[in-house]
Protein backbone atom coordinates (compact mmCIF):
# COMPACT_ATOMS: atom_id res chain seq x y z
CA UNK A 1 3.97 -14.21 -12.40
CA UNK A 2 2.17 -10.74 -12.38
CA UNK A 3 -1.40 -9.65 -12.73
CA UNK A 4 -3.01 -6.33 -13.91
CA UNK A 5 -5.13 -4.89 -11.35
CA UNK A 6 -7.57 -1.82 -10.96
CA UNK A 7 -6.67 -0.20 -7.56
CA UNK A 8 -8.31 2.89 -5.89
CA UNK A 9 -5.43 5.09 -4.94
CA UNK A 10 -5.71 8.19 -2.78
CA UNK A 11 -3.20 10.65 -3.88
CA UNK A 12 -1.49 13.01 -1.30
CA UNK A 13 -3.32 16.52 -0.97
CA UNK A 14 -6.83 15.36 -2.04
CA UNK A 15 -9.80 13.32 -0.79
CA UNK A 16 -10.77 12.04 -4.12
CA UNK A 17 -9.71 8.50 -4.88
CA UNK A 18 -8.39 7.66 -8.40
CA UNK A 19 -8.69 4.21 -9.97
CA UNK A 20 -5.38 3.33 -11.55
CA UNK A 21 -4.18 0.41 -13.50
CA UNK A 22 -1.17 -1.33 -11.61
CA UNK A 23 0.91 -4.34 -12.23
CA UNK A 24 1.16 -6.73 -9.22
CA UNK A 25 4.26 -8.89 -9.25
CA UNK A 26 4.67 -12.40 -7.87
CA UNK A 27 4.08 -12.30 -4.03
CA UNK A 28 7.12 -12.27 -1.67
CA UNK A 29 7.95 -15.20 0.64
CA UNK A 30 5.16 -14.24 3.23
CA UNK A 31 2.68 -12.70 0.84
CA UNK A 32 -0.67 -13.75 -0.72
CA UNK A 33 -1.79 -12.46 -4.06
CA UNK A 34 -5.69 -12.44 -4.20
CA UNK A 35 -8.33 -11.87 -6.84
CA UNK A 36 -10.96 -9.92 -5.06
CA UNK A 37 -14.66 -10.59 -5.03
CA UNK A 38 -16.09 -7.91 -2.79
CA UNK A 39 -14.86 -5.37 -0.13
CA UNK A 40 -16.59 -3.55 2.78
CA UNK A 41 -16.74 0.22 2.88
CA UNK A 42 -16.01 1.05 6.50
CA UNK A 43 -16.61 4.34 8.12
CA UNK A 44 -13.14 4.33 9.57
CA UNK A 45 -11.78 4.83 6.03
CA UNK A 46 -13.02 8.39 6.19
CA UNK A 47 -10.42 9.08 8.88
CA UNK A 48 -7.63 7.90 6.55
CA UNK A 49 -9.01 9.91 3.59
CA UNK A 50 -9.39 13.10 5.59
CA UNK A 51 -5.94 12.69 7.29
CA UNK A 52 -3.06 14.83 6.16
CA UNK A 53 -0.43 12.77 4.39
CA UNK A 54 2.72 13.08 2.39
CA UNK A 55 2.32 9.87 0.19
CA UNK A 56 -0.45 8.14 -1.70
CA UNK A 57 -2.35 5.64 0.13
CA UNK A 58 -4.20 2.39 -0.77
CA UNK A 59 -6.97 1.72 1.57
CA UNK A 60 -10.02 -0.71 2.50
CA UNK A 61 -9.51 -3.50 5.21
CA UNK A 62 -12.13 -6.15 4.74
CA UNK A 63 -12.79 -8.27 1.79
CA UNK A 64 -13.39 -11.74 0.19
CA UNK A 65 -11.49 -13.17 -2.71
CA UNK A 66 -9.71 -16.19 -4.35
CA UNK A 67 -6.04 -16.88 -3.83
CA UNK A 68 -4.04 -16.48 -7.10
CA UNK A 69 -0.54 -17.20 -5.83
CA UNK A 70 1.37 -17.49 -2.58
CA UNK A 71 4.84 -16.89 -1.31
CA UNK A 72 7.25 -19.72 -0.48
CA UNK A 73 6.76 -19.42 3.20
CA UNK A 74 2.90 -19.37 3.14
CA UNK A 75 1.34 -22.81 4.12
CA UNK A 76 -2.27 -22.14 5.44
CA UNK A 77 -3.77 -21.23 2.01
CA UNK A 78 -3.18 -22.14 -1.60
CA UNK A 79 -3.99 -21.00 -5.07
CA UNK A 80 -7.74 -21.66 -5.59
CA UNK A 81 -8.67 -21.22 -1.81
CA UNK A 82 -11.53 -18.83 -1.00
CA UNK A 83 -10.26 -16.31 1.58
CA UNK A 84 -10.99 -13.22 3.74
CA UNK A 85 -8.69 -10.28 4.13
CA UNK A 86 -8.98 -8.59 7.55
CA UNK A 87 -6.89 -6.01 9.51
CA UNK A 88 -6.25 -8.10 12.57
CA UNK A 89 -3.73 -10.92 12.43
CA UNK A 90 -5.48 -14.23 11.78
CA UNK A 91 -4.16 -16.11 14.73
CA UNK A 92 -2.81 -15.41 18.29
CA UNK A 93 0.16 -17.64 17.50
CA UNK A 94 2.63 -15.65 15.57
CA UNK A 95 6.44 -15.22 15.51
CA UNK A 96 6.93 -12.41 13.08
CA UNK A 97 5.66 -9.02 12.54
CA UNK A 98 3.22 -8.61 9.62
CA UNK A 99 4.52 -6.31 6.81
CA UNK A 100 2.25 -3.48 5.39
CA UNK A 101 1.28 -3.68 1.88
CA UNK A 102 2.95 -1.71 -0.78
CA UNK A 103 2.42 -1.27 -4.39
CA UNK A 104 4.39 0.26 -7.28
CA UNK A 105 2.38 2.47 -9.74
CA UNK A 106 3.18 2.65 -13.42
CA UNK A 107 4.74 6.04 -13.06
CA UNK A 108 7.34 4.55 -10.75
CA UNK A 109 5.83 5.89 -7.62
CA UNK A 110 4.52 3.95 -4.61
CA UNK A 111 1.29 3.83 -2.68
CA UNK A 112 1.26 2.29 0.89
CA UNK A 113 -0.92 1.36 3.70
CA UNK A 114 -0.25 0.52 7.42
CA UNK A 115 -1.62 -3.08 6.98
CA UNK A 116 -3.77 -4.02 4.05
CA UNK A 117 -5.79 -2.59 1.15
CA UNK A 118 -8.95 -4.18 -0.34
CA UNK A 119 -10.52 -1.47 -2.68
CA UNK A 120 -8.93 -3.09 -5.78
CA UNK A 121 -9.66 -5.94 -8.17
CA UNK A 122 -6.64 -7.68 -6.93
CA UNK A 123 -4.63 -7.28 -3.65
CA UNK A 124 -1.32 -8.45 -2.07
CA UNK A 125 -1.49 -9.08 1.66
CA UNK A 126 0.84 -10.37 4.33
CA UNK A 127 -0.38 -13.92 5.01
CA UNK A 128 -1.20 -12.93 8.70
CA UNK A 129 -4.02 -10.89 7.29
CA UNK A 130 -5.41 -13.55 5.13
CA UNK A 131 -7.86 -16.17 6.54
CA UNK A 132 -9.13 -19.28 4.71
CA UNK A 133 -12.91 -19.11 4.28
CA UNK A 134 -15.32 -21.98 4.67
CA UNK A 135 -16.38 -23.41 1.18
CA UNK A 136 -19.89 -22.12 1.65
CA UNK A 137 -19.00 -18.60 2.40
CA UNK A 138 -21.18 -16.07 0.27
CA UNK A 139 -18.48 -13.82 -1.29
CA UNK A 140 -20.64 -10.54 -1.00
CA UNK A 141 -21.72 -10.98 2.48
CA UNK A 142 -18.51 -12.42 3.67
CA UNK A 143 -16.61 -9.27 2.56
CA UNK A 144 -17.93 -7.48 5.71
CA UNK A 145 -16.88 -10.11 8.24
CA UNK A 146 -13.35 -8.84 8.39
CA UNK A 147 -14.19 -5.61 10.18
CA UNK A 148 -17.97 -4.92 10.74
CA UNK A 149 -19.08 -8.39 11.76
CA UNK A 150 -15.81 -9.22 13.46
CA UNK A 151 -15.79 -6.13 15.60
CA UNK A 152 -19.62 -6.03 16.49
CA UNK A 153 -20.19 -9.79 16.93
CA UNK A 154 -16.85 -10.09 18.67
CA UNK A 155 -17.83 -7.37 21.19
CA UNK A 156 -20.68 -9.55 22.28
CA UNK A 157 -19.20 -13.04 22.32
CA UNK A 158 -15.44 -12.35 23.16
CA UNK A 159 -15.70 -9.30 25.35
CA UNK A 160 -19.07 -8.94 27.04
CA UNK A 161 -20.00 -12.76 27.01
CA UNK A 162 -23.85 -11.80 26.97
CA UNK A 163 -25.92 -14.64 28.34
CA UNK A 164 -29.56 -15.57 27.59
CA UNK A 165 -31.98 -13.27 29.36
CA UNK A 166 -29.57 -10.41 29.88
CA UNK A 167 -30.70 -6.97 28.70
CA UNK A 168 -28.60 -5.13 25.91
CA UNK A 169 -28.83 -1.70 24.39
CA UNK A 170 -26.77 -0.85 21.33
CA UNK A 171 -25.84 2.90 20.19
CA UNK A 172 -25.32 3.36 16.59
CA UNK A 173 -27.07 1.26 13.83
CA UNK A 174 -24.29 1.27 11.24
CA UNK A 175 -22.58 -1.90 10.05
CA UNK A 176 -20.79 -2.50 13.42
CA UNK A 177 -23.82 -1.58 15.61
CA UNK A 178 -26.08 -3.80 13.61
CA UNK A 179 -23.57 -6.69 13.99
CA UNK A 180 -23.47 -6.18 17.65
CA UNK A 181 -27.33 -6.28 17.57
CA UNK A 182 -27.36 -9.56 15.58
CA UNK A 183 -24.87 -11.18 17.83
CA UNK A 184 -26.93 -10.17 21.05
CA UNK A 185 -29.90 -11.76 19.40
CA UNK A 186 -28.02 -14.97 18.81
CA UNK A 187 -26.78 -14.91 22.45
CA UNK A 188 -30.54 -14.75 23.51
CA UNK A 189 -30.44 -11.08 24.88
CA UNK A 190 -33.77 -9.72 26.22
CA UNK A 191 -34.82 -7.13 25.89
CA UNK A 192 -32.76 -6.04 22.94
CA UNK A 193 -32.71 -2.27 22.38
CA UNK A 194 -31.56 -0.20 19.41
CA UNK A 195 -30.62 3.40 19.64
CA UNK A 196 -30.07 5.77 16.83
CA UNK A 197 -31.07 9.17 15.38
CA UNK A 198 -32.09 7.79 12.06
CA UNK A 199 -35.49 6.28 11.78
CA UNK A 200 -34.46 4.31 8.52
CA UNK A 201 -31.46 2.57 10.44
CA UNK A 202 -33.88 1.85 13.38
CA UNK A 203 -36.30 0.17 11.07
CA UNK A 204 -33.39 -1.92 9.79
CA UNK A 205 -32.55 -2.76 13.50
CA UNK A 206 -36.17 -3.94 13.93
CA UNK A 207 -35.86 -6.37 11.03
CA UNK A 208 -32.66 -7.79 12.69
CA UNK A 209 -34.52 -8.54 15.80
CA UNK A 210 -34.49 -5.51 18.11
CA UNK A 211 -37.29 -5.69 20.63
CA UNK A 212 -37.35 -1.92 21.16
CA UNK A 213 -36.28 1.14 19.15
CA UNK A 214 -35.20 4.41 20.59
CA UNK A 215 -34.74 7.54 18.41
CA UNK A 216 -32.43 9.65 20.48
CA UNK A 217 -33.31 12.60 18.24
CA UNK A 218 -36.87 12.53 19.74
CA UNK A 219 -36.26 11.49 23.37
CA UNK A 220 -33.68 10.99 26.02
CA UNK A 221 -32.26 7.50 25.22
CA UNK A 222 -31.29 6.89 28.86
CA UNK A 223 -34.76 7.65 30.14
CA UNK A 224 -36.34 5.47 27.34
CA UNK A 225 -34.13 2.53 28.25
CA UNK A 226 -35.02 2.87 31.94
CA UNK A 227 -38.64 2.84 30.98
CA UNK A 228 -38.32 -0.14 28.70
CA UNK A 229 -36.48 -2.24 31.08
CA UNK A 230 -38.66 -1.23 33.95
CA UNK A 231 -41.70 -2.25 32.14
CA UNK A 232 -40.47 -5.76 32.26
CA UNK A 233 -41.35 -5.92 35.83
CA UNK A 234 -37.93 -7.01 36.98
CA UNK A 235 -37.48 -4.00 39.20
CA UNK A 236 -34.26 -3.09 37.44
CA UNK A 237 -33.17 0.38 36.23
CA UNK A 238 -30.82 0.05 33.21
CA UNK A 239 -29.55 -2.66 31.02
CA UNK A 240 -26.96 -5.45 31.85
CA UNK A 241 -24.82 -4.25 28.74
CA UNK A 242 -24.87 -1.11 26.93
CA UNK A 243 -22.64 -1.08 23.65
CA UNK A 244 -21.53 2.17 22.02
CA UNK A 245 -20.65 1.74 18.42
CA UNK A 246 -20.37 5.37 17.46
CA UNK A 247 -17.17 6.54 19.36
CA UNK A 248 -18.93 9.87 20.18
CA UNK A 249 -18.47 11.07 23.62
CA UNK A 250 -22.13 11.99 24.48
CA UNK A 251 -23.02 8.48 23.35
CA UNK A 252 -20.41 6.79 25.47
CA UNK A 253 -21.67 8.86 28.57
CA UNK A 254 -25.31 7.71 27.73
CA UNK A 255 -24.25 4.05 27.65
CA UNK A 256 -22.75 4.41 31.07
CA UNK A 257 -25.83 6.02 32.44
CA UNK A 258 -28.03 3.42 30.74
CA UNK A 259 -26.23 0.46 32.47
CA UNK A 260 -28.03 -0.68 35.48
CA UNK A 261 -26.95 0.44 38.85
CA UNK A 262 -25.64 -2.23 41.32
CA UNK A 263 -26.02 -2.67 45.01
CA UNK A 264 -22.81 -2.02 46.94
CA UNK A 265 -21.73 -5.22 48.67
CA UNK A 266 -24.61 -7.29 47.21
CA UNK A 267 -24.64 -7.08 43.36
CA UNK A 268 -22.47 -5.53 40.59
CA UNK A 269 -23.88 -3.03 38.24
CA UNK A 270 -24.03 -3.24 34.39
CA UNK A 271 -21.41 -2.85 31.90
CA UNK A 272 -20.75 -0.19 29.19
CA UNK A 273 -18.73 -1.51 26.18
CA UNK A 274 -16.80 0.92 24.09
CA UNK A 275 -16.85 -0.59 20.54
CA UNK A 276 -16.59 2.41 18.22
CA UNK A 277 -13.28 4.25 17.99
CA UNK A 278 -13.34 7.66 19.68
CA UNK A 279 -12.14 10.35 17.42
CA UNK A 280 -11.28 12.95 20.34
CA UNK A 281 -10.38 12.58 23.93
CA UNK A 282 -13.24 13.03 26.35
CA UNK A 283 -14.13 13.04 30.11
CA UNK A 284 -16.24 10.71 32.06
CA UNK A 285 -17.78 11.00 35.53
CA UNK A 286 -16.03 8.61 37.65
CA UNK A 287 -18.88 8.55 40.24
CA UNK A 288 -21.00 6.77 37.57
CA UNK A 289 -18.76 3.77 38.03
CA UNK A 290 -17.95 4.11 41.79
CA UNK A 291 -21.52 4.66 43.16
CA UNK A 292 -23.26 2.49 40.57
CA UNK A 293 -20.67 -0.39 40.84
CA UNK A 294 -20.60 -0.30 36.95
CA UNK A 295 -17.74 -1.35 34.47
CA UNK A 296 -16.51 0.27 31.30
CA UNK A 297 -14.54 -2.08 28.99
CA UNK A 298 -13.06 -1.37 25.48
CA UNK A 299 -12.69 -3.71 22.66
CA UNK A 300 -10.48 -3.42 19.55
CA UNK A 301 -11.89 -5.63 16.66
CA UNK A 302 -14.38 -7.24 19.07
CA UNK A 303 -11.51 -9.13 20.62
CA UNK A 304 -11.55 -11.50 17.68
CA UNK A 305 -9.28 -14.20 16.62
CA UNK A 306 -10.10 -14.32 12.76
CA UNK A 307 -9.29 -17.98 12.20
CA UNK A 308 -11.17 -19.00 15.08
CA UNK A 309 -14.19 -16.61 14.84
CA UNK A 310 -14.85 -16.10 11.20
CA UNK A 311 -16.10 -19.59 10.52
CA UNK A 312 -18.56 -19.22 13.41
CA UNK A 313 -19.99 -15.95 12.01
CA UNK A 314 -20.30 -17.55 8.59
CA UNK A 315 -22.20 -20.46 10.30
CA UNK A 316 -24.63 -18.13 11.97
CA UNK A 317 -25.52 -16.90 8.38
CA UNK A 318 -25.69 -20.31 6.76
CA UNK A 319 -27.90 -21.65 9.66
CA UNK A 320 -30.22 -18.62 9.73
CA UNK A 321 -29.28 -17.77 13.27
CA UNK A 322 -28.28 -14.18 12.06
CA UNK A 323 -29.40 -12.30 9.12
CA UNK A 324 -26.03 -10.83 7.76
CA UNK A 325 -27.58 -10.24 4.37
CA UNK A 326 -29.72 -7.31 5.84
CA UNK A 327 -26.44 -5.67 6.88
CA UNK A 328 -25.41 -5.15 3.26
CA UNK A 329 -27.63 -2.30 2.10
CA UNK A 330 -25.64 -0.71 -0.66
CA UNK A 331 -23.60 -2.10 -3.49
CA UNK A 332 -21.18 -0.24 -5.93
CA UNK A 333 -18.69 -1.02 -8.72
CA UNK A 334 -14.93 -0.04 -8.01
CA UNK A 335 -15.41 2.75 -10.62
CA UNK A 336 -18.00 4.31 -8.27
CA UNK A 337 -15.79 4.24 -5.10
CA UNK A 338 -15.90 8.10 -4.62
CA UNK A 339 -19.68 7.92 -4.80
CA UNK A 340 -19.63 5.27 -2.04
CA UNK A 341 -17.48 7.52 0.11
CA UNK A 342 -19.68 10.48 -0.51
CA UNK A 343 -22.81 8.37 0.52
CA UNK A 344 -21.04 7.11 3.57
CA UNK A 345 -19.93 10.59 4.54
CA UNK A 346 -23.46 12.08 3.91
CA UNK A 347 -25.10 9.26 6.05
CA UNK A 348 -27.04 7.91 2.99
CA UNK A 349 -25.83 4.38 3.74
CA UNK A 350 -27.94 2.77 6.40
CA UNK A 351 -26.09 -0.49 6.86
CA UNK A 352 -22.74 -1.51 5.21
CA UNK A 353 -21.83 -0.69 1.77
CA UNK A 354 -19.79 -2.97 -0.26
CA UNK A 355 -17.67 -2.68 -3.50
CA UNK A 356 -18.22 -5.72 -5.93
CA UNK A 357 -15.66 -6.52 -8.44
């Protein structure tokens, strides 16, 4: 079988995507053919768009959809199943390397990706990147679980293991940062502090449960966090966990300084968690860790195992424990994909944007 799809393709030598009609054939043995419902528009895609390349790309790496057909070796999903597409392998138990997606254009050329593509009405993906969705999954909100929610929520639950009553500060109130904030609220963090330079993003963080807002454009965020935590009367300076969701060197350094100091021989210090992907190498002051008994940990995709974690995150939304609906602030049709990219680049998207098909 084959389907006719509309796919956003990024030609070599340009930053402008082009929506093309392509014919997707029957899936290979380990592939799944999916009719898409919605896809997240992630900031990391700007890196792919801006990168020098010699061949056309297909991009996007989080979505929801319905299975149209599966290859002979695929057993965990079947036609008609609702699914997520994500960029992390769905399970820790795998015996083969996942193959990247590749499509053939009508002019005979190809377009490729290093794992999956989701900016399209239909997609073909290796079965390792396809996760069966709970029946009640909202197809619009669920489309950001495969990256933003997985990364931010997973950082809190899988890597930091935040406990009730522990203090948390989060830098960067984009889709990942807001997801981190939401998971910290579910974990019972207190106080929960949001840091950004955009007042509109901080207002959104407040609606998602932040106890305190720090506009780093107006004040030193480290001093502000020390003041907020000290006002609780616990005699502490700094937070138990400081999450950086920006990847910016200055913000990472601020996170480390905002983590509370420990007492050598008596109590460990706080933890800075690197969630956002750094774009450039940078230096850190090792004495921050040594004298403060602090830790710096990194997390890639929130340390998530999609088949295990995605149903949990959907359950948070369905039960009202987390307001993932507030994370989706902008919606575009596929034909407006370049407008979505431009708005993301210009900082006009305050939460997470999605493409709806």
